[in-house]
Amino acid sequence: MRAHNTPQYDLSDQLRIDDVSHSYGDRRVLSGVSILVGPGQRLAIIGENGVGKSTLLRLAAGSEIPDAGRVGRP
C-alpha cells in the first residue's frame, strides 16, 4: 500500500541514465553511470576538469549517443 503523501510520477517525466559508458577513442570518460532525476528535483554535477561532466550533459541532452547503457528523457 502506498503512503498518501508519496507522489506518483509517470516514468516519462523523469531523466533516466542507466549504466551509461562513453569513450573518445581509447580514452574512457564515463563508465557505468546511472542517474534518476524526477520532476521538481535538481541535480548538480561537480568534478575536476576532464572527468566527463560535459559529456554526461551532452548524453542527457541527446546530442551524443552512449557507447553502452540507455538514456531516457522527457
Protein backbone atom coordinates (compact mmCIF):
# COMPACT_ATOMS: atom_id res chain seq x y z
CA MET A 1 0.00 0.00 0.00
CA ARG A 2 1.31 3.44 -0.98
CA ALA A 3 1.51 6.24 1.58
CA HIS A 4 -0.86 9.14 0.91
CA ASN A 5 1.89 11.76 0.73
CA THR A 6 4.07 9.81 -1.74
CA PRO A 7 3.82 11.41 -5.19
CA GLN A 8 3.32 9.10 -8.13
CA TYR A 9 5.29 10.05 -11.25
CA ASP A 10 4.97 8.94 -14.81
CA LEU A 11 8.32 7.41 -15.78
CA SER A 12 8.27 9.51 -18.97
CA ASP A 13 8.58 12.63 -16.76
CA GLN A 14 11.99 11.55 -15.44
CA LEU A 15 15.52 11.82 -16.72
CA ARG A 16 16.90 8.29 -16.54
CA ILE A 17 20.50 7.42 -17.26
CA ASP A 18 21.06 3.69 -16.85
CA ASP A 19 24.55 2.15 -16.74
CA VAL A 20 25.94 4.57 -19.34
CA SER A 21 29.53 4.35 -20.61
CA HIS A 22 31.23 6.59 -23.16
CA SER A 23 34.70 6.83 -24.67
CA TYR A 24 36.56 9.09 -27.03
CA GLY A 25 38.88 6.80 -28.94
CA ASP A 26 40.68 4.67 -26.36
CA ARG A 27 40.01 7.15 -23.52
CA ARG A 28 37.07 6.06 -21.37
CA VAL A 29 35.35 9.14 -19.96
CA LEU A 30 32.29 7.58 -18.29
CA SER A 31 31.77 4.05 -17.06
CA GLY A 32 28.58 2.60 -15.54
CA VAL A 33 26.89 5.91 -14.69
CA SER A 34 23.27 5.73 -13.50
CA ILE A 35 21.12 8.72 -12.53
CA LEU A 36 17.40 9.22 -11.95
CA VAL A 37 16.06 12.78 -11.73
CA GLY A 38 12.34 13.18 -11.14
CA PRO A 39 10.06 16.16 -11.68
CA GLY A 40 10.98 19.08 -9.45
CA GLN A 41 14.32 17.59 -8.45
CA ARG A 42 17.62 19.34 -9.04
CA LEU A 43 20.94 17.82 -9.95
CA ALA A 44 24.45 19.22 -9.54
CA ILE A 45 27.38 17.79 -11.46
CA ILE A 46 30.68 18.59 -9.81
CA GLY A 47 34.18 17.36 -10.66
CA GLU A 48 37.63 18.19 -11.87
CA ASN A 49 38.35 19.15 -15.47
CA GLY A 50 38.29 16.24 -17.88
CA VAL A 51 36.27 13.79 -15.77
CA GLY A 52 33.19 13.74 -18.03
CA LYS A 53 30.79 16.42 -16.76
CA SER A 54 30.18 17.96 -20.18
CA THR A 55 30.00 14.54 -21.80
CA LEU A 56 27.33 13.50 -19.30
CA LEU A 57 25.30 16.63 -20.09
CA ARG A 58 25.61 16.02 -23.85
CA LEU A 59 24.43 12.43 -23.36
CA ALA A 60 21.50 13.59 -21.23
CA ALA A 61 20.55 16.20 -23.85
CA GLY A 62 20.73 13.64 -26.67
CA SER A 63 23.45 15.39 -28.63
CA GLU A 64 25.74 12.36 -28.16
CA ILE A 65 24.93 8.64 -28.05
CA PRO A 66 26.39 6.48 -25.25
CA ASP A 67 28.67 3.56 -26.13
CA ALA A 68 26.70 1.42 -23.68
CA GLY A 69 23.66 1.91 -21.47
CA ARG A 70 20.47 3.87 -22.00
CA VAL A 71 19.31 7.45 -21.66
CA GLY A 72 15.61 8.29 -21.33
CA ARG A 73 14.38 11.85 -21.07
CA PRO A 74 11.02 13.59 -21.03
